[in-house]
C-alpha atoms as a PDB file:
ATOM      1  CA  MET A   1     121.604  82.877 176.545  1.00  0.00           C
ATOM      2  CA  ASN A   2     122.808  80.229 174.249  1.00  0.00           C
ATOM      3  CA  ASP A   3     126.468  79.921 173.163  1.00  0.00           C
ATOM      4  CA  ARG A   4     125.797  80.944 169.552  1.00  0.00           C
ATOM      5  CA  ILE A   5     124.295  84.305 170.612  1.00  0.00           C
ATOM      6  CA  LYS A   6     127.095  84.766 173.210  1.00  0.00           C
ATOM      7  CA  ARG A   7     129.638  84.321 170.312  1.00  0.00           C
ATOM      8  CA  TYR A   8     127.825  86.828 168.156  1.00  0.00           C
ATOM      9  CA  LEU A   9     127.815  89.405 170.972  1.00  0.00           C
ATOM     10  CA  ARG A  10     131.530  88.842 171.744  1.00  0.00           C
ATOM     11  CA  GLN A  11     132.536  89.012 168.075  1.00  0.00           C
ATOM     12  CA  GLY A  12     131.180  92.584 167.403  1.00  0.00           C
ATOM     13  CA  GLU A  13     130.047  93.925 163.977  1.00  0.00           C
ATOM     14  CA  GLY A  14     132.205  93.311 160.968  1.00  0.00           C
ATOM     15  CA  ASP A  15     132.350  91.878 157.486  1.00  0.00           C
ATOM     16  CA  MET A  16     129.841  89.123 158.366  1.00  0.00           C
ATOM     17  CA  LEU A  17     127.860  90.538 161.313  1.00  0.00           C
ATOM     18  CA  ASP A  18     125.589  93.493 161.904  1.00  0.00           C
ATOM     19  CA  TYR A  19     123.531  94.454 164.954  1.00  0.00           C
ATOM     20  CA  LYS A  20     120.066  96.237 164.414  1.00  0.00           C
ATOM     21  CA  GLN A  21     118.052  97.400 167.349  1.00  0.00           C
ATOM     22  CA  GLU A  22     114.987  97.552 165.081  1.00  0.00           C
ATOM     23  CA  ILE A  23     114.155  97.453 161.435  1.00  0.00           C
ATOM     24  CA  SER A  24     112.577 100.852 160.585  1.00  0.00           C
ATOM     25  CA  SER A  25     113.103 100.784 156.758  1.00  0.00           C
ATOM     26  CA  ALA A  26     112.971  97.787 154.397  1.00  0.00           C
ATOM     27  CA  ASN A  27     115.187  99.638 151.860  1.00  0.00           C
ATOM     28  CA  LYS A  28     117.801 100.522 154.352  1.00  0.00           C
ATOM     29  CA  ILE A  29     118.112  97.006 155.655  1.00  0.00           C
ATOM     30  CA  ALA A  30     118.172  95.648 152.019  1.00  0.00           C
ATOM     31  CA  LYS A  31     121.521  97.559 151.658  1.00  0.00           C
ATOM     32  CA  THR A  32     123.040  95.353 154.379  1.00  0.00           C
ATOM     33  CA  MET A  33     121.485  92.207 152.953  1.00  0.00           C
ATOM     34  CA  VAL A  34     122.868  92.776 149.509  1.00  0.00           C
ATOM     35  CA  SER A  35     126.314  93.714 150.890  1.00  0.00           C
ATOM     36  CA  PHE A  36     126.492  90.406 152.759  1.00  0.00           C
ATOM     37  CA  ALA A  37     125.153  88.379 149.550  1.00  0.00           C
ATOM     38  CA  ASN A  38     127.897  90.166 147.503  1.00  0.00           C
ATOM     39  CA  ASN A  39     130.591  89.042 150.010  1.00  0.00           C
ATOM     40  CA  LYS A  40     130.600  85.612 151.819  1.00  0.00           C
ATOM     41  CA  GLY A  41     127.202  86.000 153.404  1.00  0.00           C
ATOM     42  CA  GLY A  42     126.506  87.310 156.865  1.00  0.00           C
ATOM     43  CA  THR A  43     124.226  87.495 159.819  1.00  0.00           C
ATOM     44  CA  LEU A  44     121.826  90.270 161.024  1.00  0.00           C
ATOM     45  CA  LEU A  45     121.137  90.313 164.777  1.00  0.00           C
ATOM     46  CA  VAL A  46     117.768  92.185 165.199  1.00  0.00           C
ATOM     47  CA  GLY A  47     116.793  93.418 168.570  1.00  0.00           C
ATOM     48  CA  VAL A  48     120.467  94.117 169.586  1.00  0.00           C
ATOM     49  CA  ARG A  49     121.917  97.563 170.277  1.00  0.00           C
ATOM     50  CA  ASP A  50     125.309  98.793 168.847  1.00  0.00           C
ATOM     51  CA  ASN A  51     126.681  98.496 172.541  1.00  0.00           C
ATOM     52  CA  ARG A  52     125.861  94.770 172.292  1.00  0.00           C
ATOM     53  CA  THR A  53     123.018  94.874 174.871  1.00  0.00           C
ATOM     54  CA  ILE A  54     119.583  93.146 174.200  1.00  0.00           C
ATOM     55  CA  ALA A  55     116.744  95.446 173.280  1.00  0.00           C
ATOM     56  CA  GLY A  56     114.350  92.736 172.151  1.00  0.00           C
ATOM     57  CA  ILE A  57     111.906  93.252 169.226  1.00  0.00           C
ATOM     58  CA  ARG A  58     108.199  93.251 168.078  1.00  0.00           C
ATOM     59  CA  THR A  59     108.620  89.842 166.538  1.00  0.00           C
ATOM     60  CA  GLU A  60     106.049  89.769 163.682  1.00  0.00           C
ATOM     61  CA  ASP A  61     106.771  93.487 162.633  1.00  0.00           C
ATOM     62  CA  GLU A  62     110.398  92.809 162.364  1.00  0.00           C
ATOM     63  CA  LYS A  63     109.918  89.516 160.504  1.00  0.00           C
ATOM     64  CA  TYR A  64     107.536  91.215 157.983  1.00  0.00           C
ATOM     65  CA  MET A  65     110.214  93.974 157.296  1.00  0.00           C
ATOM     66  CA  LEU A  66     112.972  91.472 156.871  1.00  0.00           C
ATOM     67  CA  ASP A  67     110.938  89.382 154.313  1.00  0.00           C
ATOM     68  CA  LEU A  68     109.764  92.489 152.527  1.00  0.00           C
ATOM     69  CA  ALA A  69     113.336  93.824 152.177  1.00  0.00           C
ATOM     70  CA  ALA A  70     114.667  90.466 150.902  1.00  0.00           C
ATOM     71  CA  SER A  71     111.728  89.856 148.412  1.00  0.00           C
ATOM     72  CA  PHE A  72     110.870  93.364 147.110  1.00  0.00           C
ATOM     73  CA  TYR A  73     113.930  95.583 147.746  1.00  0.00           C
ATOM     74  CA  CYS A  74     116.825  93.142 146.881  1.00  0.00           C
ATOM     75  CA  LYS A  75     117.422  92.129 143.269  1.00  0.00           C
ATOM     76  CA  PRO A  76     117.735  89.151 142.778  1.00  0.00           C
ATOM     77  CA  GLU A  77     115.560  88.109 145.627  1.00  0.00           C
ATOM     78  CA  ILE A  78     117.641  86.895 148.679  1.00  0.00           C
ATOM     79  CA  PRO A  79     116.616  83.675 150.497  1.00  0.00           C
ATOM     80  CA  LEU A  80     116.814  84.310 154.253  1.00  0.00           C
ATOM     81  CA  GLN A  81     116.850  82.009 157.207  1.00  0.00           C
ATOM     82  CA  ILE A  82     115.275  83.664 160.287  1.00  0.00           C
ATOM     83  CA  ILE A  83     115.664  82.035 163.705  1.00  0.00           C
ATOM     84  CA  GLU A  84     113.891  83.374 166.907  1.00  0.00           C
ATOM     85  CA  HIS A  85     115.885  83.306 170.173  1.00  0.00           C
ATOM     86  CA  GLU A  86     114.207  83.935 173.471  1.00  0.00           C
ATOM     87  CA  LEU A  87     116.322  85.548 176.031  1.00  0.00           C
ATOM     88  CA  GLY A  88     114.558  85.910 179.335  1.00  0.00           C
ATOM     89  CA  ASP A  89     111.448  87.975 178.547  1.00  0.00           C
ATOM     90  CA  LYS A  90     112.904  89.350 175.222  1.00  0.00           C
ATOM     91  CA  VAL A  91     113.123  87.925 171.737  1.00  0.00           C
ATOM     92  CA  ILE A  92     115.774  88.583 169.196  1.00  0.00           C
ATOM     93  CA  LEU A  93     116.045  87.553 165.576  1.00  0.00           C
ATOM     94  CA  GLU A  94     119.134  85.765 163.916  1.00  0.00           C
ATOM     95  CA  CYS A  95     118.725  86.548 160.247  1.00  0.00           C
ATOM     96  CA  ILE A  96     121.181  84.554 158.110  1.00  0.00           C
ATOM     97  CA  VAL A  97     121.994  85.933 154.581  1.00  0.00           C
ATOM     98  CA  PRO A  98     123.687  83.330 152.336  1.00  0.00           C
ATOM     99  CA  GLU A  99     126.393  84.236 149.988  1.00  0.00           C
ATOM    100  CA  GLY A 100     124.778  85.011 146.689  1.00  0.00           C
ATOM    101  CA  GLU A 101     124.871  82.660 143.622  1.00  0.00           C
ATOM    102  CA  GLU A 102     123.776  85.455 141.256  1.00  0.00           C
ATOM    103  CA  LYS A 103     126.000  88.312 142.032  1.00  0.00           C
ATOM    104  CA  PRO A 104     125.888  91.362 141.801  1.00  0.00           C
ATOM    105  CA  TYR A 105     122.995  91.920 144.228  1.00  0.00           C
ATOM    106  CA  ALA A 106     121.442  95.364 144.334  1.00  0.00           C
ATOM    107  CA  ALA A 107     119.137  97.100 146.730  1.00  0.00           C
ATOM    108  CA  LYS A 108     116.307  99.535 145.730  1.00  0.00           C
ATOM    109  CA  GLY A 109     117.150 103.127 146.722  1.00  0.00           C
ATOM    110  CA  ASP A 110     114.789 105.943 147.717  1.00  0.00           C
ATOM    111  CA  ASP A 111     115.172 107.163 143.955  1.00  0.00           C
ATOM    112  CA  GLY A 112     113.557 103.829 142.819  1.00  0.00           C
ATOM    113  CA  LYS A 113     116.856 102.700 141.257  1.00  0.00           C
ATOM    114  CA  TYR A 114     118.824  99.567 142.226  1.00  0.00           C
ATOM    115  CA  TRP A 115     122.216 100.157 143.605  1.00  0.00           C
ATOM    116  CA  VAL A 116     125.073  97.434 144.374  1.00  0.00           C
ATOM    117  CA  TYR A 117     126.520  97.521 147.914  1.00  0.00           C
ATOM    118  CA  VAL A 118     129.670  95.638 149.286  1.00  0.00           C
ATOM    119  CA  ARG A 119     130.680  95.115 152.860  1.00  0.00           C
ATOM    120  CA  ASN A 120     133.796  96.814 154.291  1.00  0.00           C
ATOM    121  CA  LYS A 121     134.345  95.985 157.980  1.00  0.00           C
ATOM    122  CA  ASP A 122     131.089  97.049 159.695  1.00  0.00           C
ATOM    123  CA  LYS A 123     129.603  99.194 156.875  1.00  0.00           C
ATOM    124  CA  SER A 124     127.705  98.576 153.634  1.00  0.00           C
ATOM    125  CA  LEU A 125     129.160 100.779 150.920  1.00  0.00           C
ATOM    126  CA  LEU A 126     128.131 101.624 147.497  1.00  0.00           C
ATOM    127  CA  ALA A 127     130.097  99.609 144.991  1.00  0.00           C
ATOM    128  CA  SER A 128     132.159 101.205 142.214  1.00  0.00           C
ATOM    129  CA  LYS A 129     131.605 100.150 138.606  1.00  0.00           C
ATOM    130  CA  ILE A 130     134.885  98.193 138.771  1.00  0.00           C
ATOM    131  CA  VAL A 131     133.678  96.187 141.723  1.00  0.00           C
ATOM    132  CA  VAL A 132     130.258  95.484 140.019  1.00  0.00           C
ATOM    133  CA  ASP A 133     132.116  94.187 136.979  1.00  0.00           C
ATOM    134  CA  VAL A 134     134.297  92.019 139.109  1.00  0.00           C
ATOM    135  CA  LEU A 135     131.220  90.513 140.914  1.00  0.00           C
ATOM    136  CA  ARG A 136     129.588  89.963 137.487  1.00  0.00           C
ATOM    137  CA  ARG A 137     132.702  88.167 136.250  1.00  0.00           C
ATOM    138  CA  GLN A 138     132.973  86.018 139.299  1.00  0.00           C
ATOM    139  CA  ALA A 139     129.264  85.048 138.962  1.00  0.00           C
ATOM    140  CA  SER A 140     129.728  84.006 135.271  1.00  0.00           C
ATOM    141  CA  ASN A 141     132.369  81.386 136.270  1.00  0.00           C
ATOM    142  CA  ARG A 142     134.408  82.428 133.275  1.00  0.00           C
ATOM    143  CA  GLY A 143     138.088  82.115 133.497  1.00  0.00           C
ATOM    144  CA  THR A 144     140.197  85.157 133.268  1.00  0.00           C
ATOM    145  CA  LEU A 145     142.877  85.232 130.491  1.00  0.00           C
ATOM    146  CA  ILE A 146     145.496  87.742 131.430  1.00  0.00           C
ATOM    147  CA  LYS A 147     147.508  89.377 128.683  1.00  0.00           C
ATOM    148  CA  TYR A 148     150.486  91.092 130.126  1.00  0.00           C
ATOM    149  CA  GLY A 149     151.094  94.128 127.961  1.00  0.00           C
ATOM    150  CA  LYS A 150     153.055  97.246 128.835  1.00  0.00           C
ATOM    151  CA  ASN A 151     150.264  98.754 130.737  1.00  0.00           C
ATOM    152  CA  GLU A 152     149.814  95.723 133.026  1.00  0.00           C
ATOM    153  CA  GLU A 153     153.566  95.626 133.472  1.00  0.00           C
ATOM    154  CA  ALA A 154     153.722  99.227 134.405  1.00  0.00           C
ATOM    155  CA  LEU A 155     150.880  98.880 136.960  1.00  0.00           C
ATOM    156  CA  LEU A 156     152.423  95.766 138.664  1.00  0.00           C
ATOM    157  CA  LYS A 157     155.958  97.378 138.838  1.00  0.00           C
ATOM    158  CA  TYR A 158     154.487 100.530 140.380  1.00  0.00           C
ATOM    159  CA  LEU A 159     152.703  98.288 142.928  1.00  0.00           C
ATOM    160  CA  ARG A 160     155.846  96.466 143.734  1.00  0.00           C
ATOM    161  CA  GLU A 161     157.531  99.781 144.604  1.00  0.00           C
ATOM    162  CA  ASN A 162     154.471 101.614 146.217  1.00  0.00           C
ATOM    163  CA  GLU A 163     151.745 100.454 148.591  1.00  0.00           C
ATOM    164  CA  ARG A 164     148.630 101.362 146.485  1.00  0.00           C
ATOM    165  CA  ILE A 165     147.250 103.063 143.442  1.00  0.00           C
ATOM    166  CA  THR A 166     143.891 104.535 142.471  1.00  0.00           C
ATOM    167  CA  LEU A 167     142.055 104.287 139.139  1.00  0.00           C
ATOM    168  CA  GLN A 168     142.871 107.853 138.311  1.00  0.00           C
ATOM    169  CA  GLU A 169     146.639 107.484 139.197  1.00  0.00           C
ATOM    170  CA  PHE A 170     146.809 104.440 137.075  1.00  0.00           C
ATOM    171  CA  ARG A 171     145.117 106.166 134.131  1.00  0.00           C
ATOM    172  CA  LYS A 172     147.476 109.151 134.296  1.00  0.00           C
ATOM    173  CA  LYS A 173     150.628 106.958 134.755  1.00  0.00           C
ATOM    174  CA  VAL A 174     150.138 105.052 131.495  1.00  0.00           C
ATOM    175  CA  ASN A 175     147.994 107.593 129.774  1.00  0.00           C
ATOM    176  CA  ILE A 176     144.962 105.494 128.737  1.00  0.00           C
ATOM    177  CA  SER A 177     141.184 106.064 128.945  1.00  0.00           C
ATOM    178  CA  LYS A 178     139.239 105.319 132.102  1.00  0.00           C
ATOM    179  CA  TRP A 179     137.434 102.460 130.233  1.00  0.00           C
ATOM    180  CA  ARG A 180     140.753 100.700 129.481  1.00  0.00           C
ATOM    181  CA  ALA A 181     142.144 101.257 132.767  1.00  0.00           C
ATOM    182  CA  SER A 182     139.135  99.863 134.442  1.00  0.00           C
ATOM    183  CA  LYS A 183     139.082  96.811 132.192  1.00  0.00           C
ATOM    184  CA  ILE A 184     142.716  96.010 133.083  1.00  0.00           C
ATOM    185  CA  LEU A 185     141.904  96.349 136.759  1.00  0.00           C
ATOM    186  CA  VAL A 186     138.894  94.244 136.579  1.00  0.00           C
ATOM    187  CA  ASN A 187     140.934  91.486 134.764  1.00  0.00           C
ATOM    188  CA  LEU A 188     143.733  91.598 137.379  1.00  0.00           C
ATOM    189  CA  ILE A 189     141.262  91.579 140.415  1.00  0.00           C
ATOM    190  CA  SER A 190     139.398  88.650 138.892  1.00  0.00           C
ATOM    191  CA  ALA A 191     142.598  86.692 138.415  1.00  0.00           C
ATOM    192  CA  GLY A 192     143.619  87.365 142.045  1.00  0.00           C
ATOM    193  CA  VAL A 193     146.756  89.409 140.910  1.00  0.00           C
ATOM    194  CA  ILE A 194     145.632  92.538 142.699  1.00  0.00           C
ATOM    195  CA  ARG A 195     143.032  93.408 145.298  1.00  0.00           C
ATOM    196  CA  ASN A 196     140.494  96.244 145.446  1.00  0.00           C
ATOM    197  CA  HIS A 197     139.890  98.162 148.714  1.00  0.00           C
ATOM    198  CA  THR A 198     136.466  99.852 148.846  1.00  0.00           C
ATOM    199  CA  HIS A 199     136.424 102.712 151.293  1.00  0.00           C
ATOM    200  CA  GLU A 200     133.998 105.571 151.902  1.00  0.00           C
ATOM    201  CA  LYS A 201     136.321 107.933 150.128  1.00  0.00           C
ATOM    202  CA  THR A 202     138.474 106.713 147.327  1.00  0.00           C
ATOM    203  CA  GLU A 203     138.764 103.053 146.106  1.00  0.00           C
ATOM    204  CA  PHE A 204     142.356 101.956 145.774  1.00  0.00           C
ATOM    205  CA  TYR A 205     144.226  98.725 144.608  1.00  0.00           C
ATOM    206  CA  THR A 206     147.193  96.805 146.036  1.00  0.00           C
ATOM    207  CA  LEU A 207     149.095  93.556 145.112  1.00  0.00           C
ATOM    208  CA  SER A 208     147.254  90.441 146.458  1.00  0.00           C
END
């Protein structure tokens, strides 16, 4: 086993690494691909079980599914690098997903619609509208001009005194619409002043 694969197996799944025993669905694997592309890129190890043991693959079937997912189930299309590794009598695939240059990337769901996913530790989670807007802003390379009004000041004061805040809490605190509150959060995240935390339950925000 080469050092690179040993390192992947020691590392365990996380923001930039995912193990797949097999690829059974192109649209499911597309979710993982777009979550990597919307982050800093990542690697799929195909033919590896969750417990880090080697299962091996049916090489051509798996390659076809990976290419199909990247080409037809991801929007924009994602350019993959696929490397075969022979480990004894078994083969695994190292599928490298680069960080995307055209964020946000979306995966086609069972409903035929495209949905944006982001990576949180070892999970690919559906992105909120705020996260989608932040990704779009980052991809546009436009600078973010921050106007500190009373609402921004109230938010930052609250976060200096409290650990976190949600969109709903921020709206209620300063008594503004969801649209205005979202716009302020997108601006402050894009400028690096606050951070968003995407979780399976409720997204929240903290000072950077």
